[in-house]
Amino acid sequence: MIKLIKRNAGLSMLALPGFVLIIIFNYVPLYGLLLPFKTYRYNLGIWNSPWAGLDNFGYLFHGDALYRVLRNTILYNMTFIVLGTTLSVIIALLLYELSRRFVKAYQTILFIPYFISWVVAGFAFRSLFDMEYGVINRLLVSLDREPILWYSDPKYWPYIIVIAAVWKGLGYSSVIYYAALMGIDSEYYDAAKIDGASKIRRAFSISVPMIKPIIIMLVILQIGSICYSDFGLFYNVTLNSSLLYKTTDVIDTFVYRSLIDLGDIGMASAAGFFQSIVGFCLVLITNTIVKKINPDNSLF
């Protein structure tokens, strides 16, 4: 063992900063797992604060609020996973068929929304949906139609939220799948061309099956985050309008407002702990199902 350590001393020293960062940011914060079971007091600290048992979790499961936010969170994330994955694969396949001279330009155009903050995007959407000065309402008035109170009517927002999420994440996901397509041996396509296979046939018979492991891996990881939501999307784009909570309120925004109103850190920590446990269980369940169907495509 000592000889092994001495032999790899240089590599160990090279990896040491990474190990230190992992310990500081991934393991030291695990001390905070006490918070969901504590009645946190600022003057006492985490360890000396009195134990609360499962009382912090009782706040989450009390009333119909949990049902509403959990329903919205899961349904939105399922839609994001299915629609986002499908469109990302299609865009990646289209990019793969383009001339290499234009691929970088299209990739850049698709990738730009990923770097735009939801705060900025929120103002952009407000310029579209504002009651008096919004572009869409101005267009409706010019067509002799009644303007729509976008930020007061929740029925439109499931579609707006989905469009906004897909618009922002499409470029990032498609680039991942495009990179996977670039790793496929060109001999497969050459053989298919000789056999007379069309581009659509080559896509469904070669491209999609070859990147299927990447698709499954990313979907499993996304399912693990199905109880989490993009806080910026649901808070900034909707302008946190209380009239839209029926269709736009998710776990993260609900916990944020509860923390602001009550200042209860224990309750907010309990919500985060609940999300993590559910996500962990979903990853295990999904991976087990995939492993039963095809062990080669499972995550572990």
Protein backbone atom coordinates (compact mmCIF):
# COMPACT_ATOMS: atom_id res chain seq x y z
CA MET A 1 0.00 0.00 0.00
CA ILE A 2 2.81 2.40 0.92
CA LYS A 3 4.59 1.57 -2.33
CA LEU A 4 1.41 2.25 -4.27
CA ILE A 5 1.00 5.64 -2.59
CA LYS A 6 4.61 6.58 -3.29
CA ARG A 7 4.34 5.44 -6.90
CA ASN A 8 1.24 7.60 -7.50
CA ALA A 9 2.25 10.53 -5.29
CA GLY A 10 2.44 12.92 -8.24
CA LEU A 11 -1.01 12.02 -9.54
CA SER A 12 -2.44 12.16 -6.01
CA MET A 13 -1.08 15.68 -5.49
CA LEU A 14 -2.52 16.68 -8.88
CA ALA A 15 -5.96 15.40 -7.84
CA LEU A 16 -5.75 16.82 -4.31
CA PRO A 17 -7.38 20.22 -5.07
CA GLY A 18 -10.35 18.41 -6.63
CA PHE A 19 -10.72 16.14 -3.61
CA VAL A 20 -10.56 19.12 -1.26
CA LEU A 21 -13.27 20.97 -3.22
CA ILE A 22 -15.51 17.89 -3.23
CA ILE A 23 -15.13 17.47 0.54
CA ILE A 24 -15.78 21.17 1.25
CA PHE A 25 -18.78 21.63 -1.05
CA ASN A 26 -20.31 18.12 -1.10
CA TYR A 27 -19.62 16.51 2.26
CA VAL A 28 -19.22 19.30 4.81
CA PRO A 29 -22.71 20.71 4.00
CA LEU A 30 -24.22 17.30 4.91
CA TYR A 31 -24.08 18.61 8.48
CA GLY A 32 -27.09 20.69 7.48
CA LEU A 33 -29.25 17.54 7.19
CA LEU A 34 -30.03 18.12 10.87
CA LEU A 35 -32.04 21.24 9.97
CA PRO A 36 -35.20 19.45 8.73
CA PHE A 37 -35.53 17.84 12.16
CA LYS A 38 -34.74 20.96 14.20
CA THR A 39 -36.57 24.09 15.29
CA TYR A 40 -33.77 26.34 14.18
CA ARG A 41 -32.77 29.25 16.41
CA TYR A 42 -30.22 31.74 15.12
CA ASN A 43 -28.72 32.34 18.55
CA LEU A 44 -28.31 28.62 19.27
CA GLY A 45 -27.00 27.36 15.96
CA ILE A 46 -27.80 24.10 14.23
CA TRP A 47 -26.52 21.68 16.85
CA ASN A 48 -27.99 23.40 19.94
CA SER A 49 -31.40 24.20 18.42
CA PRO A 50 -34.21 22.05 19.87
CA TRP A 51 -35.33 18.94 18.03
CA ALA A 52 -38.65 19.21 16.20
CA GLY A 53 -39.06 15.61 15.08
CA LEU A 54 -41.23 15.47 11.96
CA ASP A 55 -43.09 18.72 12.68
CA ASN A 56 -41.35 20.54 9.83
CA PHE A 57 -42.60 17.92 7.39
CA GLY A 58 -46.13 18.30 8.76
CA TYR A 59 -46.29 21.83 7.32
CA LEU A 60 -45.68 20.45 3.84
CA PHE A 61 -48.34 17.77 4.09
CA HIS A 62 -50.96 20.00 5.67
CA GLY A 63 -53.92 21.16 3.56
CA ASP A 64 -54.29 21.02 -0.21
CA ALA A 65 -51.27 23.21 -1.00
CA LEU A 66 -48.92 20.23 -1.27
CA TYR A 67 -51.22 18.45 -3.73
CA ARG A 68 -51.35 21.54 -5.97
CA VAL A 69 -47.62 22.28 -6.00
CA LEU A 70 -46.63 18.61 -6.25
CA ARG A 71 -49.05 18.07 -9.13
CA ASN A 72 -47.76 21.12 -11.00
CA THR A 73 -44.12 20.22 -10.36
CA ILE A 74 -44.40 16.63 -11.56
CA LEU A 75 -46.60 17.36 -14.58
CA TYR A 76 -44.40 20.22 -15.77
CA ASN A 77 -41.20 18.21 -15.38
CA MET A 78 -42.69 15.19 -17.16
CA THR A 79 -43.67 17.47 -20.04
CA PHE A 80 -40.21 19.04 -20.10
CA ILE A 81 -38.56 15.62 -20.18
CA VAL A 82 -40.73 14.14 -22.94
CA LEU A 83 -41.01 17.22 -25.14
CA GLY A 84 -37.50 18.52 -24.50
CA THR A 85 -35.82 15.16 -25.18
CA THR A 86 -37.83 14.55 -28.35
CA LEU A 87 -37.16 17.99 -29.81
CA SER A 88 -33.49 17.92 -28.79
CA VAL A 89 -32.92 14.60 -30.57
CA ILE A 90 -34.73 15.88 -33.68
CA ILE A 91 -32.65 19.10 -33.72
CA ALA A 92 -29.46 17.09 -33.23
CA LEU A 93 -30.36 14.84 -36.16
CA LEU A 94 -31.05 17.88 -38.34
CA LEU A 95 -27.74 19.48 -37.35
CA TYR A 96 -25.93 16.25 -38.18
CA GLU A 97 -27.32 16.33 -41.71
CA LEU A 98 -26.26 19.94 -42.30
CA SER A 99 -23.05 21.03 -43.92
CA ARG A 100 -20.26 21.39 -41.34
CA ARG A 101 -19.79 25.02 -42.44
CA PHE A 102 -23.19 26.05 -41.08
CA VAL A 103 -23.42 23.81 -38.01
CA LYS A 104 -21.49 26.17 -35.73
CA ALA A 105 -23.71 29.11 -36.68
CA TYR A 106 -26.88 27.13 -35.96
CA GLN A 107 -25.41 25.78 -32.71
CA THR A 108 -24.61 29.30 -31.56
CA ILE A 109 -28.12 30.53 -32.36
CA LEU A 110 -29.67 27.61 -30.47
CA PHE A 111 -27.28 27.94 -27.54
CA ILE A 112 -27.76 31.68 -26.89
CA PRO A 113 -31.03 31.30 -24.90
CA TYR A 114 -29.28 28.95 -22.45
CA PHE A 115 -27.06 31.82 -21.27
CA ILE A 116 -29.91 34.31 -20.87
CA SER A 117 -30.93 34.82 -17.25
CA TRP A 118 -34.54 34.13 -16.32
CA VAL A 119 -34.64 37.67 -14.91
CA VAL A 120 -33.89 39.05 -18.37
CA ALA A 121 -36.24 36.52 -19.97
CA GLY A 122 -38.95 37.60 -17.50
CA PHE A 123 -38.76 41.18 -18.78
CA ALA A 124 -38.79 39.91 -22.37
CA PHE A 125 -41.97 37.92 -21.72
CA ARG A 126 -43.50 40.92 -19.97
CA SER A 127 -42.90 42.98 -23.10
CA LEU A 128 -44.94 40.36 -24.94
CA PHE A 129 -47.78 39.90 -22.45
CA ASP A 130 -48.13 43.27 -20.73
CA MET A 131 -51.77 44.39 -20.59
CA GLU A 132 -51.28 47.86 -22.05
CA TYR A 133 -47.94 47.83 -23.85
CA GLY A 134 -47.43 44.15 -24.66
CA VAL A 135 -46.72 43.25 -28.27
CA ILE A 136 -49.38 40.53 -28.38
CA ASN A 137 -52.13 42.71 -26.90
CA ARG A 138 -51.22 45.54 -29.26
CA LEU A 139 -51.56 43.10 -32.15
CA LEU A 140 -54.93 41.89 -30.84
CA VAL A 141 -56.20 45.48 -30.55
CA SER A 142 -55.05 46.21 -34.11
CA LEU A 143 -57.16 43.22 -35.21
CA ASP A 144 -60.19 44.57 -33.29
CA ARG A 145 -59.88 41.86 -30.65
CA GLU A 146 -60.10 42.27 -26.90
CA PRO A 147 -56.72 42.34 -25.08
CA ILE A 148 -56.02 39.43 -22.77
CA LEU A 149 -55.13 39.77 -19.10
CA TRP A 150 -52.22 37.37 -19.37
CA TYR A 151 -51.00 37.79 -15.79
CA SER A 152 -54.48 37.31 -14.37
CA ASP A 153 -55.71 34.26 -16.28
CA PRO A 154 -53.93 31.01 -15.34
CA LYS A 155 -55.30 28.91 -18.22
CA TYR A 156 -52.69 30.22 -20.70
CA TRP A 157 -49.64 29.65 -18.55
CA PRO A 158 -49.09 25.89 -18.83
CA TYR A 159 -48.40 26.48 -22.54
CA ILE A 160 -46.29 29.58 -21.93
CA ILE A 161 -44.20 27.86 -19.26
CA VAL A 162 -43.54 24.82 -21.46
CA ILE A 163 -42.59 26.98 -24.46
CA ALA A 164 -40.23 29.09 -22.31
CA ALA A 165 -38.53 26.04 -20.78
CA VAL A 166 -38.06 24.28 -24.13
CA TRP A 167 -36.83 27.51 -25.76
CA LYS A 168 -34.13 27.96 -23.11
CA GLY A 169 -32.91 24.37 -22.79
CA LEU A 170 -33.24 23.12 -26.35
CA GLY A 171 -29.82 24.29 -27.53
CA TYR A 172 -27.91 22.77 -24.61
CA SER A 173 -29.56 19.34 -24.91
CA SER A 174 -29.30 19.20 -28.70
CA VAL A 175 -25.56 19.91 -28.55
CA ILE A 176 -25.09 16.92 -26.22
CA TYR A 177 -26.92 14.60 -28.61
CA TYR A 178 -25.11 16.12 -31.59
CA ALA A 179 -21.77 15.34 -29.94
CA ALA A 180 -22.94 11.75 -29.43
CA LEU A 181 -23.89 11.52 -33.11
CA MET A 182 -20.43 12.75 -34.11
CA GLY A 183 -18.93 9.78 -32.30
CA ILE A 184 -20.73 7.22 -34.47
CA ASP A 185 -18.50 5.39 -36.93
CA SER A 186 -19.18 6.68 -40.45
CA GLU A 187 -18.87 3.14 -41.84
CA TYR A 188 -22.38 2.39 -40.61
CA TYR A 189 -23.77 5.21 -42.74
CA ASP A 190 -21.63 4.25 -45.74
CA ALA A 191 -22.96 0.69 -45.60
CA ALA A 192 -26.53 1.96 -45.29
CA LYS A 193 -26.07 4.24 -48.31
CA ILE A 194 -24.82 1.30 -50.37
CA ASP A 195 -27.95 -0.63 -49.36
CA GLY A 196 -30.08 2.30 -50.56
CA ALA A 197 -31.28 3.52 -47.15
CA SER A 198 -32.75 7.03 -47.14
CA LYS A 199 -31.72 9.70 -44.62
CA ILE A 200 -34.83 9.06 -42.53
CA ARG A 201 -34.15 5.32 -42.52
CA ARG A 202 -30.52 5.94 -41.52
CA ALA A 203 -31.68 8.22 -38.71
CA PHE A 204 -34.11 5.66 -37.25
CA SER A 205 -31.97 2.58 -37.90
CA ILE A 206 -28.50 3.91 -37.03
CA SER A 207 -28.45 7.34 -35.39
CA VAL A 208 -31.19 6.92 -32.77
CA PRO A 209 -30.22 3.36 -31.69
CA MET A 210 -26.55 4.38 -31.37
CA ILE A 211 -27.29 7.35 -29.10
CA LYS A 212 -30.01 5.54 -27.16
CA PRO A 213 -27.72 4.89 -24.14
CA ILE A 214 -27.02 8.65 -23.86
CA ILE A 215 -30.72 9.45 -24.15
CA ILE A 216 -31.63 6.93 -21.44
CA MET A 217 -28.88 8.14 -19.11
CA LEU A 218 -29.96 11.78 -19.39
CA VAL A 219 -33.63 10.88 -18.95
CA ILE A 220 -32.84 8.91 -15.78
CA LEU A 221 -30.93 11.88 -14.36
CA GLN A 222 -33.82 14.21 -15.28
CA ILE A 223 -36.32 11.89 -13.59
CA GLY A 224 -34.20 12.17 -10.44
CA SER A 225 -34.88 15.92 -10.47
CA ILE A 226 -38.59 15.60 -11.20
CA CYS A 227 -39.51 17.10 -7.81
CA TYR A 228 -37.27 20.11 -8.42
CA SER A 229 -38.26 23.07 -10.53
CA ASP A 230 -36.41 25.88 -12.23
CA PHE A 231 -37.15 28.59 -9.67
CA GLY A 232 -36.23 31.42 -12.04
CA LEU A 233 -38.66 30.16 -14.67
CA PHE A 234 -41.68 29.91 -12.38
CA TYR A 235 -40.91 33.03 -10.34
CA ASN A 236 -39.59 35.58 -12.84
CA VAL A 237 -41.49 34.71 -16.01
CA THR A 238 -44.83 34.70 -14.16
CA LEU A 239 -43.84 37.82 -12.18
CA ASN A 240 -44.91 35.84 -9.09
CA SER A 241 -48.54 36.77 -9.78
CA SER A 242 -50.78 35.28 -7.09
CA LEU A 243 -53.60 34.94 -9.61
CA LEU A 244 -51.56 32.35 -11.51
CA TYR A 245 -50.70 30.08 -8.57
CA LYS A 246 -53.29 27.51 -9.65
CA THR A 247 -51.17 26.50 -12.64
CA THR A 248 -47.73 28.01 -11.94
CA ASP A 249 -47.08 27.33 -8.25
CA VAL A 250 -44.45 24.60 -7.75
CA ILE A 251 -42.60 23.26 -4.73
CA ASP A 252 -39.68 25.68 -5.00
CA THR A 253 -41.80 28.83 -5.28
CA PHE A 254 -44.15 27.60 -2.54
CA VAL A 255 -41.26 26.97 -0.14
CA TYR A 256 -39.64 30.30 -1.04
CA ARG A 257 -42.79 32.26 -0.24
CA SER A 258 -43.29 30.27 2.94
CA LEU A 259 -39.73 31.02 4.02
CA ILE A 260 -40.12 34.73 3.28
CA ASP A 261 -43.45 34.94 5.13
CA LEU A 262 -42.64 32.69 8.11
CA GLY A 263 -38.84 32.77 8.24
CA ASP A 264 -38.89 29.06 9.12
CA ILE A 265 -35.58 27.60 7.93
CA GLY A 266 -36.44 24.17 9.32
CA MET A 267 -39.54 23.94 7.14
CA ALA A 268 -37.64 25.03 4.02
CA SER A 269 -34.91 22.48 4.77
CA ALA A 270 -37.56 19.78 5.21
CA ALA A 271 -38.91 20.56 1.74
CA GLY A 272 -35.44 20.27 0.21
CA PHE A 273 -34.83 17.01 2.07
CA PHE A 274 -38.17 15.66 0.80
CA GLN A 275 -37.27 16.57 -2.78
CA SER A 276 -33.87 14.89 -2.50
CA ILE A 277 -35.25 11.65 -1.05
CA VAL A 278 -37.99 11.42 -3.69
CA GLY A 279 -35.50 12.16 -6.48
CA PHE A 280 -33.06 9.54 -5.17
CA CYS A 281 -35.80 6.90 -5.00
CA LEU A 282 -36.99 7.74 -8.52
CA VAL A 283 -33.46 7.35 -9.91
CA LEU A 284 -33.13 3.93 -8.27
CA ILE A 285 -36.56 2.79 -9.48
CA THR A 286 -36.05 4.05 -13.04
CA ASN A 287 -32.57 2.57 -13.27
CA THR A 288 -33.85 -0.78 -11.97
CA ILE A 289 -36.59 -0.85 -14.62
CA VAL A 290 -34.10 0.01 -17.38
CA LYS A 291 -31.70 -2.63 -16.05
CA LYS A 292 -34.43 -5.27 -16.21
CA ILE A 293 -35.20 -4.37 -19.83
CA ASN A 294 -31.64 -3.82 -21.08
CA PRO A 295 -28.72 -3.98 -18.60
CA ASP A 296 -26.36 -2.28 -21.05
CA ASN A 297 -28.41 0.94 -20.99
CA SER A 298 -28.70 1.25 -17.20
CA LEU A 299 -26.89 4.00 -15.32
CA PHE A 300 -25.29 1.61 -12.81
